[in-house]
């Protein structure tokens, strides 16, 4: 739930070394962040696929090191929406935790 606060504000290269914003309208606290980080579709795999995110390097000046961020729309996109590694990995961690939990349930419910 704490990542949902990303729907407010934007990234400042001068402060963090990242640039862009998580959602287009970043003055409203809502669930758009979650809707935009996942893909559309009917299956869990389709919904958990990061939709056309491309990693890009942000070049900074000392003392802030260069950073990597994910931009929506593919390479060369002018879309301002970006995500950080923590945002992107949360999609996949959530997916695999569910599979691990289901496997655990199946193992514990098995009849010896």
Protein backbone atom coordinates (compact mmCIF):
# COMPACT_ATOMS: atom_id res chain seq x y z
CA UNK A 1 0.00 0.00 0.00
CA UNK A 2 2.88 2.39 0.64
CA UNK A 3 3.84 2.37 -3.06
CA UNK A 4 0.37 3.81 -3.80
CA UNK A 5 1.61 7.14 -2.47
CA UNK A 6 3.58 7.34 -5.71
CA UNK A 7 0.42 8.67 -7.34
CA UNK A 8 1.30 11.99 -5.66
CA UNK A 9 4.19 14.16 -6.79
CA UNK A 10 7.02 13.41 -9.15
CA UNK A 11 10.66 12.41 -9.27
CA UNK A 12 13.25 15.20 -9.02
CA UNK A 13 16.63 14.56 -10.60
CA UNK A 14 18.19 17.17 -8.31
CA UNK A 15 16.95 15.32 -5.20
CA UNK A 16 17.06 11.65 -6.12
CA UNK A 17 18.77 11.26 -9.47
CA UNK A 18 15.53 10.08 -11.09
CA UNK A 19 13.30 12.09 -13.41
CA UNK A 20 9.62 11.84 -14.40
CA UNK A 21 6.39 10.99 -12.63
CA UNK A 22 4.57 7.78 -11.75
CA UNK A 23 1.17 8.80 -13.12
CA UNK A 24 -0.07 11.50 -15.50
CA UNK A 25 -2.24 13.30 -12.95
CA UNK A 26 0.00 13.40 -9.90
CA UNK A 27 -2.06 15.70 -7.68
CA UNK A 28 -4.71 13.12 -6.74
CA UNK A 29 -4.31 10.18 -4.34
CA UNK A 30 -6.07 7.30 -6.10
CA UNK A 31 -5.39 3.80 -7.46
CA UNK A 32 -4.16 4.88 -10.92
CA UNK A 33 -0.59 3.94 -9.93
CA UNK A 34 -1.65 0.30 -9.53
CA UNK A 35 -3.70 0.29 -12.74
CA UNK A 36 -0.80 1.66 -14.79
CA UNK A 37 1.95 -0.57 -13.46
CA UNK A 38 0.19 -3.78 -14.52
CA UNK A 39 -0.98 -4.79 -17.96
CA UNK A 40 -4.49 -5.31 -19.16
CA UNK A 41 -5.86 -8.75 -19.84
CA UNK A 42 -8.02 -11.59 -18.62
CA UNK A 43 -5.36 -13.87 -17.17
CA UNK A 44 -3.11 -13.25 -14.19
CA UNK A 45 -0.01 -13.50 -16.40
CA UNK A 46 -1.38 -10.82 -18.75
CA UNK A 47 -2.28 -8.51 -15.87
CA UNK A 48 1.11 -8.94 -14.17
CA UNK A 49 3.14 -8.32 -17.31
CA UNK A 50 4.76 -4.88 -17.12
CA UNK A 51 3.28 -3.18 -20.19
CA UNK A 52 6.01 -2.05 -22.55
CA UNK A 53 8.40 -0.77 -19.87
CA UNK A 54 11.96 -0.08 -21.03
CA UNK A 55 14.88 0.43 -18.69
CA UNK A 56 16.85 3.63 -19.22
CA UNK A 57 19.87 5.21 -17.58
CA UNK A 58 19.63 8.68 -16.04
CA UNK A 59 22.99 10.45 -16.16
CA UNK A 60 23.65 12.61 -13.11
CA UNK A 61 26.39 14.88 -11.82
CA UNK A 62 28.30 14.25 -8.60
CA UNK A 63 27.43 13.64 -5.84
CA UNK A 64 24.34 11.81 -7.19
CA UNK A 65 25.36 8.63 -9.05
CA UNK A 66 23.82 7.63 -12.37
CA UNK A 67 20.51 5.79 -11.94
CA UNK A 68 18.36 3.31 -13.85
CA UNK A 69 14.59 3.73 -14.16
CA UNK A 70 11.82 2.18 -16.26
CA UNK A 71 9.93 4.35 -18.81
CA UNK A 72 6.48 3.53 -20.15
CA UNK A 73 6.14 3.27 -23.91
CA UNK A 74 9.40 1.66 -24.92
CA UNK A 75 12.76 3.01 -25.99
CA UNK A 76 12.76 6.66 -27.01
CA UNK A 77 9.34 7.32 -25.50
CA UNK A 78 8.49 10.85 -24.42
CA UNK A 79 5.95 9.53 -21.92
CA UNK A 80 6.75 11.07 -18.51
CA UNK A 81 5.55 8.01 -16.58
CA UNK A 82 8.42 6.12 -15.00
CA UNK A 83 8.85 3.41 -12.41
CA UNK A 84 11.81 2.37 -10.31
CA UNK A 85 13.15 -1.15 -9.79
CA UNK A 86 11.11 -1.51 -6.59
CA UNK A 87 7.92 -0.74 -8.50
CA UNK A 88 8.61 -3.20 -11.31
CA UNK A 89 9.81 -6.01 -9.06
CA UNK A 90 6.70 -5.71 -6.88
CA UNK A 91 4.67 -7.01 -9.82
CA UNK A 92 6.74 -10.15 -10.17
CA UNK A 93 7.25 -10.79 -6.46
CA UNK A 94 3.50 -10.64 -5.95
CA UNK A 95 2.97 -13.10 -8.77
CA UNK A 96 5.47 -15.66 -7.49
CA UNK A 97 4.47 -15.33 -3.84
CA UNK A 98 0.96 -16.34 -4.88
CA UNK A 99 2.33 -19.42 -6.68
CA UNK A 100 4.50 -20.35 -3.69
CA UNK A 101 1.53 -19.98 -1.35
CA UNK A 102 -0.64 -22.20 -3.58
CA UNK A 103 2.11 -24.84 -3.73
CA UNK A 104 2.39 -24.72 0.06
CA UNK A 105 -1.35 -25.20 0.42
CA UNK A 106 -1.30 -28.16 -1.95
CA UNK A 107 1.57 -29.77 -0.04
CA UNK A 108 -0.05 -29.30 3.37
CA UNK A 109 -3.43 -30.56 2.19
CA UNK A 110 -2.02 -33.69 0.56
CA UNK A 111 -3.08 -36.96 2.05
CA UNK A 112 -0.03 -39.11 2.96
